[in-house]
Amino acid sequence: MAILKGLRVVELDAIGPTPFCGKLLADHGASVIRIGRAGGQPNGIGAPGEDLLLQGRPTIAFDLKDHRDVQQVLTLVTAADVLIEGYRPGVMERLGLGPSECLARNPALVYGRMTGYGQRGPLAAYAGHDINYIALSGALHAVGVPDRPPQPPLSLVGDFGGGGMLLAFGILAARLRAMTTGRGEVVDAAIIDGSAQLLGLTYGWLNAGVWSQRRGDNILDGGAPFYRTYATQDGQYLAVGAIEPKFYAAFRRSIGLADSLFDAQWDRSKWSAMRAAIASVIASKPLRDWTTAISDPDACLSPVLRFDEVATHAHISARETVTRTANGDGRQRYDYRPAPRFLSDEISPSARNRTTAEILADWPLAEDLRKALQERAEAASQRSVPR
């Protein structure tokens, strides 16, 4: 049995961290119903057939400016354990779906709110995206090469690591308490807060005086010669992560760094020369000729894979971490296995692809409403979203 089986979730349409949270819950067995906006997301964002974040639960279109549709959503909320939404502060209240209305109907409800700046504070009503939130938390400043503008790390640090993951943790923590007390909770998950949490190690080093404010001058930002990427002769890249003395020694042996220059691993005055020397060694061969070095289990060497190479790597393939299949139109389709894994509860592909009828069967709803929701979900799945 999937570990979250029995958990009923209403997910309000959004992009990025909110559907990521919804998918995390659905992947582990929660019965999630996604409330979509009429007409879908603009510019094809959120196309159900292509967006991995929307898989595993039906999308049912509602017009939240229509009082009758709002009442149907409130009926679902009454039967739910969790609601998650990602609108700006005040929007759900204006729609008549704010915490006060929902908790009045369902006092044990966990009401999860996903925003960039949080429900309170001078910037709470401001628009923004991942890059804005991690700019203010300090994370963005630390990413990139020296003397160049900071480089956005995709949307991993803000939207997903500091946003959707934090919301999922908050929801499950609040649900644990609600199960014993019967009292619900409003979870204020702000990306700016979450991305700052992810910097705990870095702020700790800053406190200790061992972190430089200059990009590319530190242990984990590419400054350390033993923790960075290097180009190979054929324009590919090797990632080196040999921090501890044992692994640093294995790394040196694996690529032939016998020079005494490398004896003082932590002498920062030598890091620049060490980086240049290692770069020259690694650039002397194509990536395929570094296979033996990569195979050393203690050398902490990895090829830097492109997205289209990941699924065929032996370890990734063995764990089915990322899969790749050919579409009928000749394109490749990618997917990933749910994480984390529970060894007593492996998720089969069929468990991740439950039908709308199977999901709705988990909800204590009147039969006429269940049928209406089924029809709406079918209509939404057949709608062609322009890209």
Protein backbone atom coordinates (compact mmCIF):
# COMPACT_ATOMS: atom_id res chain seq x y z
CA MET A 1 0.00 0.00 0.00
CA ALA A 2 1.35 3.43 -0.95
CA ILE A 3 2.56 5.27 2.14
CA LEU A 4 0.18 8.26 1.78
CA LYS A 5 -2.86 6.24 0.72
CA GLY A 6 -5.97 7.72 2.31
CA LEU A 7 -4.70 11.31 2.32
CA ARG A 8 -7.11 13.49 0.32
CA VAL A 9 -5.73 16.70 -1.19
CA VAL A 10 -7.28 19.60 -3.10
CA GLU A 11 -4.64 21.37 -5.19
CA LEU A 12 -5.39 24.79 -6.67
CA ASP A 13 -3.93 25.49 -10.11
CA ALA A 14 -0.50 27.14 -10.13
CA ILE A 15 2.89 26.71 -11.74
CA GLY A 16 6.24 25.56 -10.34
CA PRO A 17 6.46 24.74 -6.63
CA THR A 18 2.74 24.19 -5.99
CA PRO A 19 2.22 21.41 -8.56
CA PHE A 20 5.60 20.00 -7.55
CA CYS A 21 4.26 19.63 -4.02
CA GLY A 22 1.04 18.11 -5.37
CA LYS A 23 3.00 15.58 -7.39
CA LEU A 24 5.20 14.64 -4.43
CA LEU A 25 2.05 13.79 -2.46
CA ALA A 26 0.36 12.01 -5.38
CA ASP A 27 3.49 10.00 -6.19
CA HIS A 28 3.35 8.46 -2.73
CA GLY A 29 -0.31 7.53 -2.84
CA ALA A 30 -2.27 10.65 -1.81
CA SER A 31 -5.55 11.10 -3.64
CA VAL A 32 -5.07 14.53 -5.19
CA ILE A 33 -7.67 16.48 -7.16
CA ARG A 34 -6.22 19.44 -9.03
CA ILE A 35 -8.52 22.42 -9.55
CA GLY A 36 -7.57 23.95 -12.91
CA ARG A 37 -8.57 27.29 -14.36
CA ALA A 38 -10.95 27.38 -17.28
CA GLY A 39 -8.89 27.52 -20.48
CA GLY A 40 -5.72 26.20 -18.85
CA GLN A 41 -2.49 28.03 -18.12
CA PRO A 42 -1.40 30.70 -20.65
CA ASN A 43 1.08 29.90 -23.43
CA GLY A 44 0.71 26.18 -22.94
CA ILE A 45 2.35 26.20 -19.51
CA GLY A 46 0.91 23.27 -17.65
CA ALA A 47 -0.02 21.10 -20.67
CA PRO A 48 -1.06 17.88 -18.87
CA GLY A 49 0.34 15.57 -21.55
CA GLU A 50 3.86 16.95 -21.33
CA ASP A 51 4.36 18.48 -17.89
CA LEU A 52 5.64 15.82 -15.49
CA LEU A 53 4.54 17.97 -12.56
CA LEU A 54 0.87 17.46 -13.49
CA GLN A 55 0.91 13.68 -13.65
CA GLY A 56 -0.71 11.37 -11.16
CA ARG A 57 -3.93 13.26 -10.52
CA PRO A 58 -6.85 14.61 -12.55
CA THR A 59 -7.20 18.28 -13.42
CA ILE A 60 -10.79 19.50 -13.13
CA ALA A 61 -11.58 22.92 -14.55
CA PHE A 62 -13.59 25.35 -12.41
CA ASP A 63 -14.45 29.00 -12.87
CA LEU A 64 -13.60 30.39 -9.45
CA LYS A 65 -15.43 33.62 -10.24
CA ASP A 66 -18.65 31.61 -10.50
CA HIS A 67 -20.34 31.19 -7.11
CA ARG A 68 -21.69 27.75 -8.05
CA ASP A 69 -18.23 26.46 -8.93
CA VAL A 70 -16.80 27.88 -5.72
CA GLN A 71 -19.45 25.99 -3.76
CA GLN A 72 -18.45 22.74 -5.46
CA VAL A 73 -14.83 23.36 -4.58
CA LEU A 74 -15.86 23.99 -0.96
CA THR A 75 -17.67 20.64 -1.01
CA LEU A 76 -14.40 19.00 -1.98
CA VAL A 77 -12.60 20.95 0.73
CA THR A 78 -15.06 19.63 3.30
CA ALA A 79 -14.02 16.09 2.41
CA ALA A 80 -10.29 16.85 2.12
CA ASP A 81 -7.42 16.54 4.56
CA VAL A 82 -5.23 19.10 2.79
CA LEU A 83 -5.60 22.11 0.51
CA ILE A 84 -2.62 23.62 -1.31
CA GLU A 85 -2.62 26.90 -3.22
CA GLY A 86 -0.03 29.20 -4.75
CA TYR A 87 -1.77 32.52 -5.29
CA ARG A 88 -0.60 35.89 -4.01
CA PRO A 89 -1.78 36.75 -0.48
CA GLY A 90 -5.43 37.79 -0.43
CA VAL A 91 -6.50 36.13 -3.70
CA MET A 92 -8.05 33.05 -2.10
CA GLU A 93 -9.87 35.25 0.41
CA ARG A 94 -11.38 37.31 -2.42
CA LEU A 95 -12.53 34.12 -4.13
CA GLY A 96 -14.31 32.97 -0.97
CA LEU A 97 -11.86 30.10 -0.51
CA GLY A 98 -9.59 31.54 2.16
CA PRO A 99 -8.59 29.75 5.36
CA SER A 100 -11.52 31.12 7.37
CA GLU A 101 -14.13 29.79 4.92
CA CYS A 102 -12.39 26.44 4.48
CA LEU A 103 -11.58 25.80 8.15
CA ALA A 104 -15.13 26.73 9.12
CA ARG A 105 -16.31 23.81 7.01
CA ASN A 106 -13.44 21.50 7.90
CA PRO A 107 -11.71 22.37 11.22
CA ALA A 108 -9.06 19.64 10.77
CA LEU A 109 -8.00 20.89 7.33
CA VAL A 110 -4.32 21.61 6.66
CA TYR A 111 -4.29 24.72 4.46
CA GLY A 112 -0.97 24.95 2.61
CA ARG A 113 0.00 28.31 1.13
CA MET A 114 2.88 28.59 -1.34
CA THR A 115 4.24 32.07 -2.05
CA GLY A 116 7.52 33.72 -2.88
CA TYR A 117 7.67 36.32 -0.14
CA GLY A 118 5.25 34.86 2.42
CA GLN A 119 1.87 35.93 3.76
CA ARG A 120 3.29 38.89 5.69
CA GLY A 121 6.10 41.41 5.25
CA PRO A 122 6.79 44.50 3.10
CA LEU A 123 7.07 42.45 -0.11
CA ALA A 124 4.20 40.03 0.51
CA ALA A 125 2.04 41.48 -2.28
CA TYR A 126 4.90 41.80 -4.80
CA ALA A 127 5.14 39.65 -7.91
CA GLY A 128 8.28 37.63 -8.47
CA HIS A 129 9.82 34.38 -9.56
CA ASP A 130 12.51 32.02 -8.33
CA ILE A 131 15.35 34.38 -9.28
CA ASN A 132 13.89 37.23 -7.23
CA TYR A 133 13.43 35.16 -4.07
CA ILE A 134 16.89 33.58 -4.10
CA ALA A 135 18.40 37.00 -4.84
CA LEU A 136 17.10 38.26 -1.49
CA SER A 137 17.95 35.12 0.52
CA GLY A 138 21.61 35.32 -0.53
CA ALA A 139 21.64 32.09 -2.53
CA LEU A 140 21.92 33.70 -5.96
CA HIS A 141 24.97 35.79 -5.06
CA ALA A 142 26.99 32.65 -4.35
CA VAL A 143 26.35 30.94 -7.70
CA GLY A 144 28.54 31.60 -10.73
CA VAL A 145 32.08 32.49 -11.64
CA PRO A 146 34.11 35.38 -10.18
CA ASP A 147 33.78 38.82 -11.75
CA ARG A 148 30.72 37.79 -13.74
CA PRO A 149 27.00 38.22 -12.95
CA PRO A 150 25.49 35.57 -10.66
CA GLN A 151 24.11 32.61 -12.62
CA PRO A 152 20.53 31.38 -11.91
CA PRO A 153 20.71 27.71 -10.81
CA LEU A 154 17.63 26.77 -12.87
CA SER A 155 14.70 26.87 -10.42
CA LEU A 156 16.12 24.22 -8.11
CA VAL A 157 17.12 26.30 -5.09
CA GLY A 158 14.02 28.50 -4.91
CA ASP A 159 10.87 27.05 -6.43
CA PHE A 160 11.57 23.40 -5.80
CA GLY A 161 14.09 23.00 -2.97
CA GLY A 162 13.08 26.05 -0.95
CA GLY A 163 9.46 26.08 -2.09
CA GLY A 164 7.64 22.86 -3.00
CA MET A 165 9.74 20.66 -0.70
CA LEU A 166 9.23 23.04 2.21
CA LEU A 167 5.48 23.12 1.60
CA ALA A 168 5.29 19.31 1.49
CA PHE A 169 7.20 19.07 4.78
CA GLY A 170 4.96 21.68 6.41
CA ILE A 171 1.79 19.96 5.21
CA LEU A 172 2.79 16.55 6.52
CA ALA A 173 3.97 18.00 9.84
CA ALA A 174 0.67 19.83 10.29
CA ARG A 175 -1.29 16.76 9.24
CA LEU A 176 0.43 14.66 11.90
CA ARG A 177 -0.74 17.11 14.56
CA ALA A 178 -4.25 17.37 13.10
CA MET A 179 -4.60 13.60 13.30
CA THR A 180 -4.08 13.71 17.07
CA THR A 181 -5.73 17.03 17.96
CA GLY A 182 -8.41 17.43 15.30
CA ARG A 183 -7.18 20.99 14.75
CA GLY A 184 -6.15 22.16 11.32
CA GLU A 185 -3.39 24.59 10.45
CA VAL A 186 -2.41 27.22 7.91
CA VAL A 187 1.07 26.55 6.50
CA ASP A 188 2.87 29.69 5.31
CA ALA A 189 5.56 28.29 2.98
CA ALA A 190 7.60 31.15 1.50
CA ILE A 191 10.34 30.48 -1.03
CA ILE A 192 12.45 33.26 0.43
CA ASP A 193 12.35 31.47 3.81
CA GLY A 194 12.99 28.03 2.35
CA SER A 195 15.94 29.06 0.20
CA ALA A 196 17.49 30.74 3.26
CA GLN A 197 17.06 27.44 5.15
CA LEU A 198 19.02 25.68 2.42
CA LEU A 199 21.93 28.03 3.14
CA GLY A 200 22.37 26.79 6.71
CA LEU A 201 25.79 25.26 6.02
CA THR A 202 26.96 28.36 4.15
CA TYR A 203 25.77 30.79 6.83
CA GLY A 204 27.46 28.58 9.40
CA TRP A 205 30.76 28.89 7.56
CA LEU A 206 30.18 32.63 7.31
CA ASN A 207 29.74 32.74 11.09
CA ALA A 208 32.99 30.84 11.50
CA GLY A 209 34.85 33.24 9.22
CA VAL A 210 35.75 30.59 6.62
CA TRP A 211 33.43 31.72 3.82
CA SER A 212 34.53 34.47 1.42
CA GLN A 213 31.94 36.85 0.02
CA ARG A 214 33.67 36.58 -3.36
CA ARG A 215 32.14 34.06 -5.74
CA GLY A 216 34.38 31.19 -6.80
CA ASP A 217 36.67 31.56 -3.77
CA ASN A 218 35.22 28.92 -1.46
CA ILE A 219 35.06 25.19 -0.88
CA LEU A 220 31.73 24.47 -2.57
CA ASP A 221 31.43 27.26 -5.14
CA GLY A 222 34.22 26.21 -7.51
CA GLY A 223 37.06 27.89 -5.67
CA ALA A 224 38.54 24.68 -4.29
CA PRO A 225 40.55 22.81 -6.97
CA PHE A 226 39.19 19.52 -5.63
CA TYR A 227 35.53 20.61 -5.86
CA ARG A 228 34.74 21.97 -9.32
CA THR A 229 34.33 20.96 -12.95
CA TYR A 230 37.05 20.70 -15.58
CA ALA A 231 36.86 20.53 -19.38
CA THR A 232 38.16 17.45 -21.17
CA GLN A 233 39.90 17.47 -24.54
CA ASP A 234 36.66 16.84 -26.44
CA GLY A 235 34.71 19.63 -24.77
CA GLN A 236 33.02 17.39 -22.20
CA TYR A 237 33.33 17.96 -18.45
CA LEU A 238 34.44 16.07 -15.36
CA ALA A 239 33.07 16.91 -11.92
CA VAL A 240 35.48 16.54 -8.98
CA GLY A 241 34.18 16.27 -5.41
CA ALA A 242 37.20 14.97 -3.46
CA ILE A 243 36.96 16.87 -0.17
CA GLU A 244 38.05 14.46 2.59
CA PRO A 245 41.78 13.52 2.71
CA LYS A 246 41.12 9.88 1.78
CA PHE A 247 39.15 10.86 -1.30
CA TYR A 248 41.55 13.67 -2.22
CA ALA A 249 44.42 11.17 -2.18
CA ALA A 250 42.45 8.78 -4.40
CA PHE A 251 41.65 11.61 -6.79
CA ARG A 252 45.34 12.54 -7.04
CA ARG A 253 46.30 8.94 -7.78
CA SER A 254 43.53 8.47 -10.33
CA ILE A 255 44.61 11.35 -12.57
CA GLY A 256 48.32 11.36 -11.73
CA LEU A 257 48.87 14.43 -9.53
CA ALA A 258 52.21 13.50 -7.99
CA ASP A 259 53.63 17.04 -7.85
CA SER A 260 54.26 18.39 -4.34
CA LEU A 261 52.10 21.39 -5.29
CA PHE A 262 49.12 19.23 -4.36
CA ASP A 263 50.37 18.14 -0.93
CA ALA A 264 48.82 21.09 0.92
CA GLN A 265 45.19 20.51 0.01
CA TRP A 266 43.84 23.36 2.15
CA ASP A 267 46.46 26.02 1.40
CA ARG A 268 44.28 28.57 -0.37
CA SER A 269 47.31 30.51 -1.60
CA LYS A 270 48.02 27.53 -3.89
CA TRP A 271 44.48 26.91 -5.10
CA SER A 272 44.83 29.02 -8.23
CA ALA A 273 47.96 27.17 -9.35
CA MET A 274 46.39 23.82 -8.46
CA ARG A 275 43.27 24.59 -10.48
CA ALA A 276 45.35 25.52 -13.52
CA ALA A 277 47.49 22.38 -13.26
CA ILE A 278 44.48 20.06 -12.85
CA ALA A 279 42.73 21.77 -15.75
CA SER A 280 45.75 21.10 -17.96
CA VAL A 281 45.89 17.41 -16.98
CA ILE A 282 42.18 16.77 -17.52
CA ALA A 283 42.17 18.70 -20.81
CA SER A 284 44.89 16.40 -22.15
CA LYS A 285 42.44 13.54 -22.83
CA PRO A 286 38.89 13.10 -24.11
CA LEU A 287 36.26 12.09 -21.60
CA ARG A 288 36.24 8.44 -22.71
CA ASP A 289 39.91 8.12 -21.73
CA TRP A 290 39.13 9.06 -18.14
CA THR A 291 36.95 5.97 -17.64
CA THR A 292 39.48 4.20 -15.40
CA ALA A 293 39.84 7.25 -13.16
CA ILE A 294 36.06 7.64 -12.93
CA SER A 295 35.79 3.95 -11.98
CA ASP A 296 37.90 4.43 -8.85
CA PRO A 297 35.20 4.27 -6.11
CA ASP A 298 37.04 6.78 -3.88
CA ALA A 299 38.17 9.31 -6.49
CA CYS A 300 34.85 11.21 -6.47
CA LEU A 301 34.95 11.79 -10.24
CA SER A 302 31.81 11.96 -12.38
CA PRO A 303 31.07 12.85 -15.98
CA VAL A 304 28.80 15.89 -16.33
CA LEU A 305 25.85 14.44 -18.22
CA ARG A 306 23.43 16.26 -20.50
CA PHE A 307 19.74 15.65 -19.90
CA ASP A 308 19.58 13.32 -22.90
CA GLU A 309 22.45 11.22 -21.51
CA VAL A 310 21.21 10.73 -17.96
CA ALA A 311 18.76 7.86 -18.50
CA THR A 312 21.38 5.65 -20.19
CA HIS A 313 23.96 5.92 -17.41
CA ALA A 314 24.38 2.50 -15.80
CA HIS A 315 23.55 3.60 -12.25
CA ILE A 316 20.64 5.83 -13.24
CA SER A 317 19.25 3.05 -15.42
CA ALA A 318 19.62 0.40 -12.71
CA ARG A 319 17.66 2.54 -10.24
CA GLU A 320 15.25 3.83 -12.90
CA THR A 321 15.87 7.27 -11.47
CA VAL A 322 15.20 8.86 -14.87
CA THR A 323 13.68 6.97 -17.79
CA ARG A 324 13.55 7.80 -21.47
CA THR A 325 11.21 6.35 -24.08
CA ALA A 326 10.55 7.19 -27.70
CA ASN A 327 7.29 8.96 -28.54
CA GLY A 328 5.38 8.05 -31.66
CA ASP A 329 6.41 11.35 -33.24
CA GLY A 330 10.10 10.57 -32.89
CA ARG A 331 10.71 12.73 -29.83
CA GLN A 332 12.02 11.40 -26.52
CA ARG A 333 9.85 11.38 -23.41
CA TYR A 334 11.43 11.58 -19.97
CA ASP A 335 10.08 10.57 -16.58
CA TYR A 336 11.47 10.00 -13.12
CA ARG A 337 10.81 7.57 -10.33
CA PRO A 338 9.20 8.87 -7.13
CA ALA A 339 11.56 9.80 -4.33
CA PRO A 340 12.32 9.20 -1.57
CA ARG A 341 11.84 5.46 -1.75
CA PHE A 342 10.35 3.33 0.98
CA LEU A 343 11.78 -0.17 0.75
CA SER A 344 8.63 -1.74 2.17
CA ASP A 345 6.45 0.21 -0.25
CA GLU A 346 7.85 0.27 -3.78
CA ILE A 347 5.66 2.37 -6.08
CA SER A 348 4.71 0.52 -9.24
CA PRO A 349 4.01 2.42 -12.49
CA SER A 350 0.34 1.44 -12.23
CA ALA A 351 0.11 3.03 -8.77
CA ARG A 352 1.28 6.31 -10.26
CA ASN A 353 -1.25 6.22 -13.09
CA ARG A 354 -4.54 5.80 -11.31
CA THR A 355 -7.58 6.81 -13.29
CA THR A 356 -9.76 9.75 -12.37
CA ALA A 357 -12.53 7.33 -11.38
CA GLU A 358 -10.16 5.48 -9.02
CA ILE A 359 -9.06 8.73 -7.39
CA LEU A 360 -12.60 10.08 -7.02
CA ALA A 361 -13.63 6.78 -5.43
CA ASP A 362 -11.44 7.75 -2.44
CA TRP A 363 -13.59 10.82 -1.78
CA PRO A 364 -16.88 10.69 0.19
CA LEU A 365 -18.93 12.62 -2.38
CA ALA A 366 -22.52 12.52 -3.56
CA GLU A 367 -22.85 10.42 -6.69
CA ASP A 368 -24.12 13.29 -8.84
CA LEU A 369 -21.12 15.44 -7.88
CA ARG A 370 -18.74 12.54 -8.48
CA LYS A 371 -20.18 12.09 -11.97
CA ALA A 372 -19.96 15.82 -12.71
CA LEU A 373 -16.32 15.92 -11.60
CA GLN A 374 -15.54 12.91 -13.76
CA GLU A 375 -17.02 14.67 -16.79
CA ARG A 376 -15.10 17.87 -16.08
CA ALA A 377 -11.85 15.94 -15.74
CA GLU A 378 -12.42 14.15 -19.03
CA ALA A 379 -13.14 17.44 -20.77
CA ALA A 380 -9.98 18.98 -19.33
CA SER A 381 -7.83 16.02 -20.43
CA GLN A 382 -9.13 16.24 -24.01
CA ARG A 383 -8.64 19.98 -24.33
CA SER A 384 -5.87 20.93 -26.73
CA VAL A 385 -3.61 23.53 -25.17
CA PRO A 386 -1.69 25.64 -27.73
CA ARG A 387 2.07 25.82 -27.28
